Amino acid sequence: MSHRVSGYPTSTFASSALLFFGSGLAATLLFSAKPLESLIGVAVACAGLSIMLWRWRQRSIASHLLQHGRAVEARITGVLAGGMFQVNGGSPYRIEAQWVDPATGEVRVFRSWNLWHDPAVFIKHEHVMLHIDPQRSDRYYMDVSFLPEFHQA
């Protein structure tokens, strides 16, 4: 049974574009006997491929955690705006939540992945569901399925 990882960024346009552009550039230039330009094309293609593989791996981990992770409720402590980078003039938002591990009494802080629309207006509850890897507590999935899906052009 496959669980849908809701809210996960699915747009791979940029990485696909890099992969195909780099592959095309490398193939074109490889046959025109320009090795430096061909190497640049291969590097661009590898960058696109690595981004695609990283996104696939993150989505795969999230799907696994939905099925096999330890489900806990964490208290939402806020929405973090901005970040260290911008895309098209906009910075991502992240939902921050805290959970107290009953076994250790340790307060743990969790953050959602990057969200490109302010989720604050859609947060109606004080808690959010987390799915934590029982073997590695630093690996988790924050269920943001309560947020609407915004499709980007």
N, C-alpha and C. Protein backbone atom coordinates (compact mmCIF):
# COMPACT_ATOMS: atom_id res chain seq x y z
N MET A 1 0.83 -1.17 0.00
CA MET A 1 0.00 0.00 0.00
C MET A 1 0.89 1.24 0.00
N SER A 2 0.66 2.12 -0.90
CA SER A 2 1.46 3.33 -1.01
C SER A 2 0.76 4.50 -0.35
N HIS A 3 1.49 5.22 0.48
CA HIS A 3 0.95 6.40 1.13
C HIS A 3 1.42 7.63 0.40
N ARG A 4 0.51 8.53 0.15
CA ARG A 4 0.85 9.78 -0.54
C ARG A 4 1.47 10.74 0.44
N VAL A 5 2.61 11.26 0.07
CA VAL A 5 3.31 12.22 0.91
C VAL A 5 2.78 13.59 0.54
N SER A 6 1.80 14.07 1.32
CA SER A 6 1.15 15.33 0.95
C SER A 6 2.00 16.51 1.34
N GLY A 7 1.92 17.53 0.52
CA GLY A 7 2.65 18.75 0.79
C GLY A 7 4.10 18.72 0.39
N TYR A 8 4.59 17.56 -0.04
CA TYR A 8 6.00 17.48 -0.42
C TYR A 8 6.21 18.19 -1.75
N PRO A 9 7.26 19.00 -1.85
CA PRO A 9 7.50 19.69 -3.11
C PRO A 9 7.72 18.69 -4.23
N THR A 10 6.89 18.73 -5.24
CA THR A 10 7.00 17.75 -6.32
C THR A 10 7.56 18.33 -7.61
N SER A 11 7.71 19.61 -7.67
CA SER A 11 8.20 20.22 -8.89
C SER A 11 9.66 19.87 -9.12
N THR A 12 9.92 19.18 -10.20
CA THR A 12 11.30 18.85 -10.54
C THR A 12 11.68 19.52 -11.85
N PHE A 13 10.97 20.58 -12.17
CA PHE A 13 11.21 21.25 -13.45
C PHE A 13 12.66 21.71 -13.58
N ALA A 14 13.18 22.37 -12.55
CA ALA A 14 14.54 22.91 -12.63
C ALA A 14 15.57 21.80 -12.77
N SER A 15 15.44 20.75 -11.97
CA SER A 15 16.41 19.67 -12.06
C SER A 15 16.28 18.91 -13.37
N SER A 16 15.04 18.73 -13.85
CA SER A 16 14.85 18.07 -15.14
C SER A 16 15.45 18.92 -16.26
N ALA A 17 15.22 20.22 -16.18
CA ALA A 17 15.76 21.11 -17.20
C ALA A 17 17.28 21.05 -17.22
N LEU A 18 17.89 21.06 -16.03
CA LEU A 18 19.36 20.96 -15.97
C LEU A 18 19.84 19.64 -16.55
N LEU A 19 19.16 18.56 -16.20
CA LEU A 19 19.55 17.25 -16.69
C LEU A 19 19.48 17.18 -18.21
N PHE A 20 18.36 17.59 -18.79
CA PHE A 20 18.20 17.49 -20.23
C PHE A 20 19.05 18.51 -20.98
N PHE A 21 19.17 19.71 -20.44
CA PHE A 21 20.01 20.73 -21.07
C PHE A 21 21.46 20.27 -21.08
N GLY A 22 21.92 19.81 -19.92
CA GLY A 22 23.31 19.36 -19.83
C GLY A 22 23.59 18.16 -20.70
N SER A 23 22.63 17.21 -20.74
CA SER A 23 22.81 16.03 -21.59
C SER A 23 22.86 16.41 -23.06
N GLY A 24 21.95 17.29 -23.46
CA GLY A 24 21.94 17.75 -24.85
C GLY A 24 23.19 18.51 -25.20
N LEU A 25 23.63 19.38 -24.31
CA LEU A 25 24.85 20.16 -24.55
C LEU A 25 26.06 19.24 -24.66
N ALA A 26 26.15 18.28 -23.74
CA ALA A 26 27.28 17.36 -23.77
C ALA A 26 27.28 16.53 -25.05
N ALA A 27 26.11 16.01 -25.44
CA ALA A 27 26.03 15.19 -26.65
C ALA A 27 26.38 16.00 -27.90
N THR A 28 25.85 17.21 -27.98
CA THR A 28 26.12 18.06 -29.14
C THR A 28 27.60 18.38 -29.24
N LEU A 29 28.17 18.80 -28.13
CA LEU A 29 29.56 19.23 -28.15
C LEU A 29 30.54 18.06 -28.21
N LEU A 30 30.13 16.91 -27.72
CA LEU A 30 30.99 15.74 -27.77
C LEU A 30 31.29 15.37 -29.21
N PHE A 31 30.28 15.49 -30.05
CA PHE A 31 30.47 15.14 -31.46
C PHE A 31 31.13 16.26 -32.24
N SER A 32 31.23 17.44 -31.65
CA SER A 32 31.91 18.53 -32.35
C SER A 32 33.35 18.67 -31.87
N ALA A 33 33.84 17.71 -31.12
CA ALA A 33 35.24 17.63 -30.68
C ALA A 33 35.65 18.82 -29.83
N LYS A 34 34.80 19.27 -28.93
CA LYS A 34 35.16 20.33 -27.99
C LYS A 34 35.06 19.73 -26.58
N PRO A 35 36.13 19.12 -26.09
CA PRO A 35 36.05 18.38 -24.83
C PRO A 35 35.73 19.25 -23.61
N LEU A 36 36.22 20.47 -23.55
CA LEU A 36 35.95 21.31 -22.38
C LEU A 36 34.46 21.63 -22.28
N GLU A 37 33.85 22.01 -23.40
CA GLU A 37 32.43 22.31 -23.39
C GLU A 37 31.60 21.06 -23.11
N SER A 38 32.06 19.91 -23.61
CA SER A 38 31.36 18.65 -23.34
C SER A 38 31.41 18.33 -21.86
N LEU A 39 32.55 18.60 -21.23
CA LEU A 39 32.69 18.36 -19.80
C LEU A 39 31.75 19.26 -19.01
N ILE A 40 31.59 20.49 -19.43
CA ILE A 40 30.65 21.40 -18.77
C ILE A 40 29.23 20.88 -18.90
N GLY A 41 28.87 20.38 -20.07
CA GLY A 41 27.54 19.81 -20.28
C GLY A 41 27.30 18.60 -19.39
N VAL A 42 28.32 17.75 -19.25
CA VAL A 42 28.19 16.58 -18.38
C VAL A 42 28.03 17.03 -16.93
N ALA A 43 28.76 18.06 -16.51
CA ALA A 43 28.65 18.57 -15.14
C ALA A 43 27.25 19.12 -14.87
N VAL A 44 26.69 19.86 -15.81
CA VAL A 44 25.35 20.40 -15.65
C VAL A 44 24.33 19.26 -15.56
N ALA A 45 24.49 18.25 -16.41
CA ALA A 45 23.59 17.10 -16.38
C ALA A 45 23.69 16.36 -15.05
N CYS A 46 24.89 16.21 -14.53
CA CYS A 46 25.08 15.54 -13.24
C CYS A 46 24.44 16.34 -12.11
N ALA A 47 24.52 17.66 -12.17
CA ALA A 47 23.88 18.50 -11.15
C ALA A 47 22.37 18.28 -11.17
N GLY A 48 21.77 18.28 -12.35
CA GLY A 48 20.33 18.05 -12.47
C GLY A 48 19.94 16.67 -11.97
N LEU A 49 20.73 15.65 -12.34
CA LEU A 49 20.45 14.29 -11.91
C LEU A 49 20.57 14.15 -10.39
N SER A 50 21.58 14.78 -9.81
CA SER A 50 21.74 14.66 -8.36
C SER A 50 20.59 15.33 -7.61
N ILE A 51 20.09 16.45 -8.11
CA ILE A 51 18.93 17.10 -7.49
C ILE A 51 17.71 16.19 -7.58
N MET A 52 17.50 15.59 -8.73
CA MET A 52 16.35 14.70 -8.90
C MET A 52 16.45 13.49 -7.95
N LEU A 53 17.65 12.90 -7.84
CA LEU A 53 17.83 11.74 -6.97
C LEU A 53 17.65 12.11 -5.49
N TRP A 54 18.14 13.30 -5.09
CA TRP A 54 17.99 13.74 -3.72
C TRP A 54 16.51 13.92 -3.39
N ARG A 55 15.75 14.54 -4.29
CA ARG A 55 14.31 14.75 -4.05
C ARG A 55 13.57 13.41 -3.99
N TRP A 56 13.94 12.48 -4.86
CA TRP A 56 13.31 11.16 -4.86
C TRP A 56 13.59 10.47 -3.53
N ARG A 57 14.82 10.56 -3.03
CA ARG A 57 15.21 9.92 -1.77
C ARG A 57 14.43 10.53 -0.59
N GLN A 58 14.31 11.85 -0.55
CA GLN A 58 13.57 12.51 0.52
C GLN A 58 12.11 12.08 0.53
N ARG A 59 11.53 12.00 -0.65
CA ARG A 59 10.12 11.58 -0.76
C ARG A 59 9.96 10.11 -0.35
N SER A 60 10.92 9.29 -0.70
CA SER A 60 10.90 7.88 -0.33
C SER A 60 11.00 7.71 1.18
N ILE A 61 11.86 8.47 1.83
CA ILE A 61 12.00 8.42 3.29
C ILE A 61 10.69 8.86 3.95
N ALA A 62 10.10 9.94 3.45
CA ALA A 62 8.84 10.43 4.01
C ALA A 62 7.74 9.39 3.87
N SER A 63 7.66 8.74 2.73
CA SER A 63 6.64 7.70 2.51
C SER A 63 6.86 6.53 3.47
N HIS A 64 8.10 6.13 3.66
CA HIS A 64 8.42 5.04 4.58
C HIS A 64 8.02 5.41 6.01
N LEU A 65 8.30 6.64 6.41
CA LEU A 65 7.96 7.07 7.76
C LEU A 65 6.46 7.13 7.98
N LEU A 66 5.70 7.49 6.96
CA LEU A 66 4.24 7.48 7.07
C LEU A 66 3.73 6.08 7.39
N GLN A 67 4.37 5.09 6.83
CA GLN A 67 3.93 3.71 7.03
C GLN A 67 4.50 3.08 8.30
N HIS A 68 5.77 3.39 8.62
CA HIS A 68 6.45 2.65 9.67
C HIS A 68 6.96 3.51 10.82
N GLY A 69 6.81 4.82 10.72
CA GLY A 69 7.33 5.69 11.77
C GLY A 69 6.43 5.73 12.99
N ARG A 70 7.00 6.19 14.09
CA ARG A 70 6.25 6.36 15.33
C ARG A 70 5.45 7.66 15.23
N ALA A 71 4.13 7.56 15.29
CA ALA A 71 3.26 8.75 15.17
C ALA A 71 3.13 9.43 16.52
N VAL A 72 3.44 10.72 16.55
CA VAL A 72 3.31 11.52 17.77
C VAL A 72 2.71 12.87 17.41
N GLU A 73 2.10 13.52 18.40
CA GLU A 73 1.58 14.87 18.21
C GLU A 73 2.57 15.86 18.80
N ALA A 74 2.91 16.86 18.03
CA ALA A 74 3.82 17.91 18.50
C ALA A 74 3.06 19.23 18.53
N ARG A 75 3.41 20.07 19.49
CA ARG A 75 2.75 21.37 19.63
C ARG A 75 3.40 22.37 18.68
N ILE A 76 2.58 23.00 17.86
CA ILE A 76 3.07 24.00 16.91
C ILE A 76 3.48 25.24 17.71
N THR A 77 4.72 25.67 17.49
CA THR A 77 5.23 26.83 18.23
C THR A 77 5.32 28.07 17.35
N GLY A 78 5.18 27.91 16.04
CA GLY A 78 5.21 29.08 15.17
C GLY A 78 5.53 28.76 13.73
N VAL A 79 5.54 29.80 12.94
CA VAL A 79 5.90 29.71 11.54
C VAL A 79 7.14 30.57 11.33
N LEU A 80 8.18 29.96 10.80
CA LEU A 80 9.41 30.68 10.53
C LEU A 80 9.35 31.23 9.12
N ALA A 81 9.57 32.51 8.98
CA ALA A 81 9.55 33.15 7.67
C ALA A 81 10.97 33.48 7.25
N GLY A 82 11.16 33.49 5.95
CA GLY A 82 12.49 33.83 5.44
C GLY A 82 13.39 32.63 5.49
N GLY A 83 14.62 32.87 5.25
CA GLY A 83 15.57 31.79 5.24
C GLY A 83 16.88 32.27 4.67
N MET A 84 17.71 31.33 4.38
CA MET A 84 19.04 31.68 3.89
C MET A 84 19.07 31.85 2.37
N PHE A 85 17.97 31.57 1.71
CA PHE A 85 17.96 31.71 0.26
C PHE A 85 16.61 32.22 -0.22
N GLN A 86 16.59 32.67 -1.46
CA GLN A 86 15.37 33.15 -2.10
C GLN A 86 15.26 32.52 -3.48
N VAL A 87 14.03 32.30 -3.90
CA VAL A 87 13.76 31.81 -5.25
C VAL A 87 12.72 32.75 -5.85
N ASN A 88 13.03 33.35 -6.97
CA ASN A 88 12.16 34.31 -7.63
C ASN A 88 11.70 35.41 -6.68
N GLY A 89 12.60 35.86 -5.82
CA GLY A 89 12.30 36.95 -4.90
C GLY A 89 11.54 36.55 -3.65
N GLY A 90 11.21 35.27 -3.50
CA GLY A 90 10.46 34.83 -2.33
C GLY A 90 11.27 33.86 -1.48
N SER A 91 11.07 33.94 -0.18
CA SER A 91 11.73 33.02 0.75
C SER A 91 10.72 32.01 1.28
N PRO A 92 11.18 30.84 1.62
CA PRO A 92 10.26 29.81 2.12
C PRO A 92 9.84 30.03 3.57
N TYR A 93 8.76 29.39 3.93
CA TYR A 93 8.26 29.35 5.30
C TYR A 93 8.44 27.94 5.82
N ARG A 94 8.52 27.79 7.14
CA ARG A 94 8.60 26.48 7.76
C ARG A 94 7.77 26.49 9.04
N ILE A 95 7.02 25.43 9.25
CA ILE A 95 6.27 25.28 10.49
C ILE A 95 7.22 24.67 11.52
N GLU A 96 7.22 25.25 12.72
CA GLU A 96 8.07 24.73 13.79
C GLU A 96 7.18 24.15 14.88
N ALA A 97 7.56 22.99 15.40
CA ALA A 97 6.78 22.32 16.45
C ALA A 97 7.73 21.70 17.47
N GLN A 98 7.22 21.52 18.69
CA GLN A 98 8.00 20.91 19.77
C GLN A 98 7.26 19.69 20.30
N TRP A 99 8.07 18.73 20.74
CA TRP A 99 7.53 17.50 21.32
C TRP A 99 8.44 17.09 22.46
N VAL A 100 7.85 16.66 23.56
CA VAL A 100 8.63 16.18 24.70
C VAL A 100 8.67 14.66 24.64
N ASP A 101 9.86 14.11 24.53
CA ASP A 101 10.03 12.66 24.50
C ASP A 101 9.74 12.12 25.90
N PRO A 102 8.68 11.31 26.05
CA PRO A 102 8.31 10.84 27.38
C PRO A 102 9.38 9.92 28.01
N ALA A 103 10.18 9.26 27.19
CA ALA A 103 11.20 8.35 27.71
C ALA A 103 12.37 9.11 28.33
N THR A 104 12.74 10.24 27.75
CA THR A 104 13.92 10.97 28.22
C THR A 104 13.59 12.33 28.83
N GLY A 105 12.39 12.84 28.57
CA GLY A 105 12.03 14.18 29.04
C GLY A 105 12.66 15.29 28.20
N GLU A 106 13.32 14.90 27.14
CA GLU A 106 13.99 15.86 26.25
C GLU A 106 12.98 16.58 25.37
N VAL A 107 13.12 17.91 25.25
CA VAL A 107 12.27 18.70 24.36
C VAL A 107 12.93 18.70 22.99
N ARG A 108 12.20 18.24 22.00
CA ARG A 108 12.72 18.16 20.64
C ARG A 108 12.00 19.19 19.77
N VAL A 109 12.74 19.83 18.88
CA VAL A 109 12.19 20.82 17.96
C VAL A 109 12.21 20.22 16.55
N PHE A 110 11.08 20.35 15.86
CA PHE A 110 10.94 19.82 14.50
C PHE A 110 10.51 20.95 13.58
N ARG A 111 10.95 20.88 12.34
CA ARG A 111 10.57 21.88 11.34
C ARG A 111 10.11 21.17 10.08
N SER A 112 9.08 21.74 9.45
CA SER A 112 8.60 21.19 8.18
C SER A 112 9.63 21.50 7.11
N TRP A 113 9.45 20.90 5.94
CA TRP A 113 10.30 21.29 4.83
C TRP A 113 9.84 22.64 4.33
N ASN A 114 10.52 23.19 3.36
CA ASN A 114 10.20 24.52 2.86
C ASN A 114 8.81 24.56 2.24
N LEU A 115 8.05 25.57 2.66
CA LEU A 115 6.71 25.81 2.12
C LEU A 115 6.75 27.17 1.44
N TRP A 116 6.21 27.27 0.24
CA TRP A 116 6.35 28.50 -0.54
C TRP A 116 5.17 29.44 -0.41
N HIS A 117 4.23 29.11 0.46
CA HIS A 117 3.12 30.00 0.77
C HIS A 117 2.99 30.03 2.29
N ASP A 118 2.63 31.18 2.84
CA ASP A 118 2.53 31.33 4.29
C ASP A 118 1.45 30.40 4.84
N PRO A 119 1.84 29.42 5.67
CA PRO A 119 0.85 28.47 6.19
C PRO A 119 0.10 28.97 7.42
N ALA A 120 0.48 30.11 7.98
CA ALA A 120 -0.08 30.57 9.24
C ALA A 120 -1.60 30.69 9.21
N VAL A 121 -2.17 31.17 8.11
CA VAL A 121 -3.62 31.36 8.04
C VAL A 121 -4.38 30.03 7.98
N PHE A 122 -3.69 28.94 7.64
CA PHE A 122 -4.35 27.64 7.51
C PHE A 122 -4.19 26.77 8.75
N ILE A 123 -3.41 27.25 9.71
CA ILE A 123 -3.19 26.46 10.93
C ILE A 123 -4.36 26.72 11.88
N LYS A 124 -5.20 25.71 12.06
CA LYS A 124 -6.40 25.82 12.89
C LYS A 124 -6.26 25.07 14.21
N HIS A 125 -5.24 24.24 14.35
CA HIS A 125 -5.05 23.43 15.55
C HIS A 125 -3.71 23.77 16.19
N GLU A 126 -3.56 23.39 17.44
CA GLU A 126 -2.32 23.65 18.16
C GLU A 126 -1.27 22.58 17.92
N HIS A 127 -1.69 21.45 17.37
CA HIS A 127 -0.77 20.33 17.21
C HIS A 127 -0.67 19.88 15.75
N VAL A 128 0.41 19.21 15.46
CA VAL A 128 0.65 18.64 14.14
C VAL A 128 1.19 17.23 14.34
N MET A 129 0.87 16.34 13.43
CA MET A 129 1.34 14.96 13.52
C MET A 129 2.75 14.84 12.96
N LEU A 130 3.57 14.10 13.68
CA LEU A 130 4.92 13.77 13.23
C LEU A 130 5.03 12.26 13.13
N HIS A 131 5.84 11.81 12.21
CA HIS A 131 6.15 10.39 12.08
C HIS A 131 7.66 10.29 12.20
N ILE A 132 8.10 9.73 13.33
CA ILE A 132 9.52 9.70 13.66
C ILE A 132 10.08 8.30 13.45
N ASP A 133 11.27 8.23 12.85
CA ASP A 133 11.96 6.96 12.66
C ASP A 133 12.36 6.42 14.03
N PRO A 134 11.92 5.21 14.39
CA PRO A 134 12.25 4.67 15.72
C PRO A 134 13.76 4.43 15.91
N GLN A 135 14.48 4.24 14.81
CA GLN A 135 15.91 3.98 14.90
C GLN A 135 16.74 5.27 14.89
N ARG A 136 16.25 6.28 14.19
CA ARG A 136 16.98 7.55 14.06
C ARG A 136 15.99 8.69 14.31
N SER A 137 16.05 9.26 15.50
CA SER A 137 15.07 10.28 15.85
C SER A 137 15.27 11.59 15.09
N ASP A 138 16.41 11.75 14.42
CA ASP A 138 16.62 12.95 13.61
C ASP A 138 15.94 12.84 12.25
N ARG A 139 15.40 11.69 11.95
CA ARG A 139 14.69 11.47 10.68
C ARG A 139 13.20 11.43 10.98
N TYR A 140 12.48 12.39 10.40
CA TYR A 140 11.05 12.50 10.70
C TYR A 140 10.32 13.09 9.50
N TYR A 141 9.01 12.96 9.55
CA TYR A 141 8.13 13.54 8.55
C TYR A 141 7.05 14.31 9.28
N MET A 142 6.90 15.59 8.98
CA MET A 142 5.83 16.40 9.55
C MET A 142 4.67 16.38 8.56
N ASP A 143 3.53 15.91 9.04
CA ASP A 143 2.35 15.80 8.18
C ASP A 143 1.67 17.16 8.04
N VAL A 144 1.83 17.76 6.88
CA VAL A 144 1.22 19.07 6.62
C VAL A 144 0.06 18.93 5.63
N SER A 145 -0.61 17.78 5.68
CA SER A 145 -1.71 17.52 4.75
C SER A 145 -2.89 18.45 4.97
N PHE A 146 -2.94 19.15 6.11
CA PHE A 146 -4.02 20.10 6.36
C PHE A 146 -3.86 21.38 5.53
N LEU A 147 -2.70 21.58 4.94
CA LEU A 147 -2.47 22.76 4.11
C LEU A 147 -3.00 22.52 2.70
N PRO A 148 -3.53 23.55 2.06
CA PRO A 148 -3.96 23.38 0.66
C PRO A 148 -2.72 23.23 -0.22
N GLU A 149 -2.88 22.52 -1.31
CA GLU A 149 -1.77 22.37 -2.25
C GLU A 149 -1.82 23.52 -3.23
N PHE A 150 -0.72 24.23 -3.31
CA PHE A 150 -0.61 25.33 -4.26
C PHE A 150 0.19 24.83 -5.45
N HIS A 151 -0.38 24.95 -6.62
CA HIS A 151 0.31 24.53 -7.83
C HIS A 151 1.03 25.72 -8.42
N GLN A 152 2.31 25.52 -8.66
CA GLN A 152 3.12 26.60 -9.19
C GLN A 152 3.23 26.47 -10.69
N ALA A 153 3.17 27.60 -11.36
CA ALA A 153 3.24 27.59 -12.82
C ALA A 153 4.65 27.41 -13.29
